[in-house]
Amino acid sequence: MPTFDDEVTERVTTYISSLRSENTRKVARQIVEYLLKIRESQEKSRIIPNEWQGGWVRASDIFNEIQNQNARTVTRLLIDLSQKKIIERKECQRIKGHRGKPPVFYRVPDYYDPLLFLTREELLQRIQEYHKWLSQSLDREQACKHLFTQHTGKDPQPLIKEVLETMKKEKEERFKEISEKIVNVIDPCKSL
């Protein structure tokens, strides 16, 4: 059964692969990366621990961030990304006495791995880097096992299993602590 993360990843990769132009993929990646950056900065800079702006960004800020691109392309991508449920869109109510259209806000509802938006060449380069790191880690692991066996005369495998189980339990406990804190997301339209 697919997990939530698998579903999100599939949604993003399906959308990105449907884009024909490399430039359009680049703009889509810029939009999501900018929204992720704002979301992270808002999470880090919240004053009240249980209140958060929710990562909402005004559409005009997105257009200001993504310069040297056709405005129609950015608009079309914002609409497409929100229809595909990759980003969320919130349109505020019209306020009497204010001229122009009501503001529109966007945010990334879930965390997306930025690797999902890399081009094929960038992915191949990352794979080579990861392969190098993985082979170095495996060599170090073998060296540690050899040294452990040499100094203690015991098989390190049971100890490794025990340590991994302990680490997993600690990780689950930290996640439970974090998830128990209730976070109130502030409506961006009320701040106008």
C-alpha atoms as a PDB file:
ATOM      1  CA  MET A   1       0.000   0.000   0.000  1.00  0.00           C
ATOM      2  CA  PRO A   2       1.550   3.352  -1.017  1.00  0.00           C
ATOM      3  CA  THR A   3       2.370   5.780   1.787  1.00  0.00           C
ATOM      4  CA  PHE A   4       1.564   9.475   1.830  1.00  0.00           C
ATOM      5  CA  ASP A   5       5.161  10.318   0.878  1.00  0.00           C
ATOM      6  CA  ASP A   6       4.957   7.945  -2.106  1.00  0.00           C
ATOM      7  CA  GLU A   7       1.745   9.612  -3.246  1.00  0.00           C
ATOM      8  CA  VAL A   8       3.244  13.100  -2.978  1.00  0.00           C
ATOM      9  CA  THR A   9       6.400  12.025  -4.800  1.00  0.00           C
ATOM     10  CA  GLU A  10       4.366  10.402  -7.555  1.00  0.00           C
ATOM     11  CA  ARG A  11       2.219  13.525  -7.940  1.00  0.00           C
ATOM     12  CA  VAL A  12       5.272  15.759  -8.320  1.00  0.00           C
ATOM     13  CA  THR A  13       7.206  13.478 -10.670  1.00  0.00           C
ATOM     14  CA  THR A  14       4.137  12.939 -12.873  1.00  0.00           C
ATOM     15  CA  TYR A  15       3.593  16.672 -13.182  1.00  0.00           C
ATOM     16  CA  ILE A  16       7.246  17.544 -13.813  1.00  0.00           C
ATOM     17  CA  SER A  17       7.607  14.815 -16.442  1.00  0.00           C
ATOM     18  CA  SER A  18       4.514  16.138 -18.234  1.00  0.00           C
ATOM     19  CA  LEU A  19       6.203  19.506 -18.808  1.00  0.00           C
ATOM     20  CA  ARG A  20       7.785  19.600 -22.241  1.00  0.00           C
ATOM     21  CA  SER A  21      10.028  22.630 -22.015  1.00  0.00           C
ATOM     22  CA  GLU A  22      13.190  22.565 -19.931  1.00  0.00           C
ATOM     23  CA  ASN A  23      12.627  26.254 -19.121  1.00  0.00           C
ATOM     24  CA  THR A  24       9.115  25.509 -17.823  1.00  0.00           C
ATOM     25  CA  ARG A  25      10.517  22.751 -15.598  1.00  0.00           C
ATOM     26  CA  LYS A  26      13.084  25.217 -14.313  1.00  0.00           C
ATOM     27  CA  VAL A  27      10.391  27.793 -13.461  1.00  0.00           C
ATOM     28  CA  ALA A  28       8.245  25.141 -11.730  1.00  0.00           C
ATOM     29  CA  ARG A  29      11.283  24.132  -9.695  1.00  0.00           C
ATOM     30  CA  GLN A  30      11.978  27.781  -8.802  1.00  0.00           C
ATOM     31  CA  ILE A  31       8.380  28.272  -7.613  1.00  0.00           C
ATOM     32  CA  VAL A  32       8.391  25.206  -5.362  1.00  0.00           C
ATOM     33  CA  GLU A  33      11.910  25.893  -4.041  1.00  0.00           C
ATOM     34  CA  TYR A  34      10.947  29.494  -3.201  1.00  0.00           C
ATOM     35  CA  LEU A  35       7.789  28.351  -1.396  1.00  0.00           C
ATOM     36  CA  LEU A  36       9.806  25.727   0.512  1.00  0.00           C
ATOM     37  CA  LYS A  37      12.413  28.348   1.478  1.00  0.00           C
ATOM     38  CA  ILE A  38       9.711  30.704   2.801  1.00  0.00           C
ATOM     39  CA  ARG A  39       8.017  27.852   4.668  1.00  0.00           C
ATOM     40  CA  GLU A  40      11.278  26.879   6.382  1.00  0.00           C
ATOM     41  CA  SER A  41      12.163  30.485   7.279  1.00  0.00           C
ATOM     42  CA  GLN A  42       8.687  31.039   8.777  1.00  0.00           C
ATOM     43  CA  GLU A  43       8.993  27.830  10.804  1.00  0.00           C
ATOM     44  CA  LYS A  44      12.364  28.895  12.187  1.00  0.00           C
ATOM     45  CA  SER A  45      11.357  32.473  12.957  1.00  0.00           C
ATOM     46  CA  ARG A  46       8.007  31.954  14.660  1.00  0.00           C
ATOM     47  CA  ILE A  47       7.611  34.015  17.795  1.00  0.00           C
ATOM     48  CA  ILE A  48       4.779  32.093  19.457  1.00  0.00           C
ATOM     49  CA  PRO A  49       5.649  28.363  19.466  1.00  0.00           C
ATOM     50  CA  ASN A  50       2.145  27.115  18.657  1.00  0.00           C
ATOM     51  CA  GLU A  51       1.313  29.697  15.981  1.00  0.00           C
ATOM     52  CA  TRP A  52       2.700  29.737  12.476  1.00  0.00           C
ATOM     53  CA  GLN A  53       2.026  31.687   9.280  1.00  0.00           C
ATOM     54  CA  GLY A  54       1.618  28.393   7.444  1.00  0.00           C
ATOM     55  CA  GLY A  55       4.140  29.144   4.709  1.00  0.00           C
ATOM     56  CA  TRP A  56       1.701  31.383   2.799  1.00  0.00           C
ATOM     57  CA  VAL A  57       3.318  33.664   0.220  1.00  0.00           C
ATOM     58  CA  ARG A  58       1.597  36.451  -1.688  1.00  0.00           C
ATOM     59  CA  ALA A  59       1.503  35.850  -5.438  1.00  0.00           C
ATOM     60  CA  SER A  60       3.192  39.201  -6.106  1.00  0.00           C
ATOM     61  CA  ASP A  61       6.193  38.070  -4.015  1.00  0.00           C
ATOM     62  CA  ILE A  62       6.507  34.961  -6.185  1.00  0.00           C
ATOM     63  CA  PHE A  63       6.499  37.093  -9.336  1.00  0.00           C
ATOM     64  CA  ASN A  64       9.133  39.402  -7.801  1.00  0.00           C
ATOM     65  CA  GLU A  65      11.336  36.421  -6.910  1.00  0.00           C
ATOM     66  CA  ILE A  66      11.127  34.757 -10.323  1.00  0.00           C
ATOM     67  CA  GLN A  67      12.404  37.433 -12.635  1.00  0.00           C
ATOM     68  CA  ASN A  68      13.382  37.240 -16.312  1.00  0.00           C
ATOM     69  CA  GLN A  69      10.514  34.840 -16.978  1.00  0.00           C
ATOM     70  CA  ASN A  70       7.318  35.314 -18.899  1.00  0.00           C
ATOM     71  CA  ALA A  71       4.555  36.316 -16.460  1.00  0.00           C
ATOM     72  CA  ARG A  72       2.046  34.137 -18.315  1.00  0.00           C
ATOM     73  CA  THR A  73       4.246  31.085 -17.802  1.00  0.00           C
ATOM     74  CA  VAL A  74       4.508  31.768 -14.072  1.00  0.00           C
ATOM     75  CA  THR A  75       0.747  32.363 -13.807  1.00  0.00           C
ATOM     76  CA  ARG A  76      -0.057  29.191 -15.749  1.00  0.00           C
ATOM     77  CA  LEU A  77       2.351  27.166 -13.618  1.00  0.00           C
ATOM     78  CA  LEU A  78       0.879  28.533 -10.379  1.00  0.00           C
ATOM     79  CA  ILE A  79      -2.592  27.536 -11.546  1.00  0.00           C
ATOM     80  CA  ASP A  80      -1.437  24.111 -12.785  1.00  0.00           C
ATOM     81  CA  LEU A  81       0.549  23.383  -9.619  1.00  0.00           C
ATOM     82  CA  SER A  82      -2.435  24.283  -7.448  1.00  0.00           C
ATOM     83  CA  GLN A  83      -4.845  22.208  -9.565  1.00  0.00           C
ATOM     84  CA  LYS A  84      -2.508  19.196  -9.309  1.00  0.00           C
ATOM     85  CA  LYS A  85      -2.455  19.719  -5.510  1.00  0.00           C
ATOM     86  CA  ILE A  86       1.304  20.261  -5.447  1.00  0.00           C
ATOM     87  CA  ILE A  87       0.820  23.739  -3.959  1.00  0.00           C
ATOM     88  CA  GLU A  88      -2.202  25.298  -2.247  1.00  0.00           C
ATOM     89  CA  ARG A  89      -3.931  28.469  -3.363  1.00  0.00           C
ATOM     90  CA  LYS A  90      -5.941  30.789  -1.101  1.00  0.00           C
ATOM     91  CA  GLU A  91      -7.886  33.695  -2.540  1.00  0.00           C
ATOM     92  CA  CYS A  92      -8.908  36.350  -0.036  1.00  0.00           C
ATOM     93  CA  GLN A  93     -12.311  38.003   0.091  1.00  0.00           C
ATOM     94  CA  ARG A  94     -12.673  41.354  -1.594  1.00  0.00           C
ATOM     95  CA  ILE A  95     -12.397  44.163   0.963  1.00  0.00           C
ATOM     96  CA  LYS A  96     -14.691  47.150   0.484  1.00  0.00           C
ATOM     97  CA  GLY A  97     -12.844  50.362  -0.187  1.00  0.00           C
ATOM     98  CA  HIS A  98      -9.724  48.652  -1.565  1.00  0.00           C
ATOM     99  CA  ARG A  99      -9.007  48.937  -5.259  1.00  0.00           C
ATOM    100  CA  GLY A 100      -7.936  46.079  -7.482  1.00  0.00           C
ATOM    101  CA  LYS A 101      -8.223  42.348  -7.152  1.00  0.00           C
ATOM    102  CA  PRO A 102      -8.111  40.669  -3.756  1.00  0.00           C
ATOM    103  CA  PRO A 103      -4.716  39.168  -2.907  1.00  0.00           C
ATOM    104  CA  VAL A 104      -3.953  35.524  -3.659  1.00  0.00           C
ATOM    105  CA  PHE A 105      -1.625  33.450  -1.485  1.00  0.00           C
ATOM    106  CA  TYR A 106       0.224  30.212  -2.259  1.00  0.00           C
ATOM    107  CA  ARG A 107       2.033  27.689  -0.114  1.00  0.00           C
ATOM    108  CA  VAL A 108       3.568  24.246  -0.241  1.00  0.00           C
ATOM    109  CA  PRO A 109       1.286  22.013   1.858  1.00  0.00           C
ATOM    110  CA  ASP A 110       3.828  19.205   2.198  1.00  0.00           C
ATOM    111  CA  TYR A 111       7.583  19.006   2.273  1.00  0.00           C
ATOM    112  CA  TYR A 112       8.969  18.101  -1.128  1.00  0.00           C
ATOM    113  CA  ASP A 113      12.423  16.775  -1.647  1.00  0.00           C
ATOM    114  CA  PRO A 114      14.142  19.306  -3.941  1.00  0.00           C
ATOM    115  CA  LEU A 115      15.729  16.349  -5.770  1.00  0.00           C
ATOM    116  CA  LEU A 116      12.336  15.723  -7.401  1.00  0.00           C
ATOM    117  CA  PHE A 117      12.800  18.843  -9.502  1.00  0.00           C
ATOM    118  CA  LEU A 118      16.324  18.193 -10.775  1.00  0.00           C
ATOM    119  CA  THR A 119      17.024  17.696 -14.452  1.00  0.00           C
ATOM    120  CA  ARG A 120      18.272  14.375 -15.768  1.00  0.00           C
ATOM    121  CA  GLU A 121      21.876  15.588 -15.957  1.00  0.00           C
ATOM    122  CA  GLU A 122      21.755  16.946 -12.397  1.00  0.00           C
ATOM    123  CA  LEU A 123      20.278  13.658 -11.176  1.00  0.00           C
ATOM    124  CA  LEU A 124      23.033  11.649 -12.860  1.00  0.00           C
ATOM    125  CA  GLN A 125      25.639  13.865 -11.231  1.00  0.00           C
ATOM    126  CA  ARG A 126      23.994  13.382  -7.813  1.00  0.00           C
ATOM    127  CA  ILE A 127      23.873   9.609  -8.353  1.00  0.00           C
ATOM    128  CA  GLN A 128      27.623   9.579  -8.991  1.00  0.00           C
ATOM    129  CA  GLU A 129      28.235  11.596  -5.810  1.00  0.00           C
ATOM    130  CA  TYR A 130      25.975   9.317  -3.742  1.00  0.00           C
ATOM    131  CA  HIS A 131      27.618   6.218  -5.183  1.00  0.00           C
ATOM    132  CA  LYS A 132      31.021   7.545  -4.135  1.00  0.00           C
ATOM    133  CA  TRP A 133      29.773   8.341  -0.599  1.00  0.00           C
ATOM    134  CA  LEU A 134      28.027   4.983  -0.294  1.00  0.00           C
ATOM    135  CA  SER A 135      31.113   3.017  -1.324  1.00  0.00           C
ATOM    136  CA  GLN A 136      33.231   5.001   1.181  1.00  0.00           C
ATOM    137  CA  SER A 137      30.669   4.304   3.924  1.00  0.00           C
ATOM    138  CA  LEU A 138      30.651   0.585   3.129  1.00  0.00           C
ATOM    139  CA  ASP A 139      34.449   0.478   3.268  1.00  0.00           C
ATOM    140  CA  ARG A 140      34.402   2.227   6.655  1.00  0.00           C
ATOM    141  CA  GLU A 141      31.726  -0.147   7.932  1.00  0.00           C
ATOM    142  CA  GLN A 142      33.826  -3.170   6.931  1.00  0.00           C
ATOM    143  CA  ALA A 143      36.889  -1.643   8.610  1.00  0.00           C
ATOM    144  CA  CYS A 144      34.922  -1.011  11.831  1.00  0.00           C
ATOM    145  CA  LYS A 145      33.556  -4.567  11.855  1.00  0.00           C
ATOM    146  CA  HIS A 146      37.042  -5.953  11.298  1.00  0.00           C
ATOM    147  CA  LEU A 147      38.508  -3.852  14.128  1.00  0.00           C
ATOM    148  CA  PHE A 148      35.657  -4.816  16.473  1.00  0.00           C
ATOM    149  CA  THR A 149      36.103  -8.507  15.725  1.00  0.00           C
ATOM    150  CA  GLN A 150      39.886  -8.230  16.037  1.00  0.00           C
ATOM    151  CA  HIS A 151      39.787  -6.478  19.439  1.00  0.00           C
ATOM    152  CA  THR A 152      36.861  -8.314  21.061  1.00  0.00           C
ATOM    153  CA  GLY A 153      36.795 -11.626  19.239  1.00  0.00           C
ATOM    154  CA  LYS A 154      32.995 -11.352  18.980  1.00  0.00           C
ATOM    155  CA  ASP A 155      30.581 -11.014  16.084  1.00  0.00           C
ATOM    156  CA  PRO A 156      29.481  -7.339  15.791  1.00  0.00           C
ATOM    157  CA  GLN A 157      26.128  -8.113  14.101  1.00  0.00           C
ATOM    158  CA  PRO A 158      23.992  -8.560  17.294  1.00  0.00           C
ATOM    159  CA  LEU A 159      25.370  -5.325  18.744  1.00  0.00           C
ATOM    160  CA  ILE A 160      24.645  -3.474  15.490  1.00  0.00           C
ATOM    161  CA  LYS A 161      21.023  -4.699  15.531  1.00  0.00           C
ATOM    162  CA  GLU A 162      20.603  -3.594  19.128  1.00  0.00           C
ATOM    163  CA  VAL A 163      21.995  -0.111  18.461  1.00  0.00           C
ATOM    164  CA  LEU A 164      19.815   0.326  15.355  1.00  0.00           C
ATOM    165  CA  GLU A 165      16.681  -0.654  17.299  1.00  0.00           C
ATOM    166  CA  THR A 166      17.544   1.831  20.054  1.00  0.00           C
ATOM    167  CA  MET A 167      18.131   4.592  17.523  1.00  0.00           C
ATOM    168  CA  LYS A 168      14.794   3.821  15.825  1.00  0.00           C
ATOM    169  CA  LYS A 169      12.929   4.000  19.147  1.00  0.00           C
ATOM    170  CA  GLU A 170      14.561   7.336  20.012  1.00  0.00           C
ATOM    171  CA  LYS A 171      13.657   8.719  16.604  1.00  0.00           C
ATOM    172  CA  GLU A 172      10.009   7.632  16.986  1.00  0.00           C
ATOM    173  CA  GLU A 173       9.833   9.211  20.452  1.00  0.00           C
ATOM    174  CA  ARG A 174      11.184  12.536  19.149  1.00  0.00           C
ATOM    175  CA  PHE A 175       8.674  12.475  16.287  1.00  0.00           C
ATOM    176  CA  LYS A 176       5.850  11.760  18.738  1.00  0.00           C
ATOM    177  CA  GLU A 177       6.937  14.707  20.928  1.00  0.00           C
ATOM    178  CA  ILE A 178       6.984  17.047  17.956  1.00  0.00           C
ATOM    179  CA  SER A 179       3.668  15.834  16.542  1.00  0.00           C
ATOM    180  CA  GLU A 180       1.899  16.233  19.904  1.00  0.00           C
ATOM    181  CA  LYS A 181       2.498  19.979  19.879  1.00  0.00           C
ATOM    182  CA  ILE A 182      -0.540  21.596  18.328  1.00  0.00           C
ATOM    183  CA  VAL A 183       0.300  24.236  15.775  1.00  0.00           C
ATOM    184  CA  ASN A 184      -2.256  26.866  14.840  1.00  0.00           C
ATOM    185  CA  VAL A 185      -1.827  28.060  11.241  1.00  0.00           C
ATOM    186  CA  ILE A 186      -2.650  31.764  10.860  1.00  0.00           C
ATOM    187  CA  ASP A 187      -4.946  32.767   7.966  1.00  0.00           C
ATOM    188  CA  PRO A 188      -2.937  35.076   5.660  1.00  0.00           C
ATOM    189  CA  CYS A 189      -6.059  37.017   4.606  1.00  0.00           C
ATOM    190  CA  LYS A 190      -6.721  38.161   8.180  1.00  0.00           C
ATOM    191  CA  SER A 191      -3.333  39.882   8.339  1.00  0.00           C
ATOM    192  CA  LEU A 192      -4.293  42.351   5.588  1.00  0.00           C
END
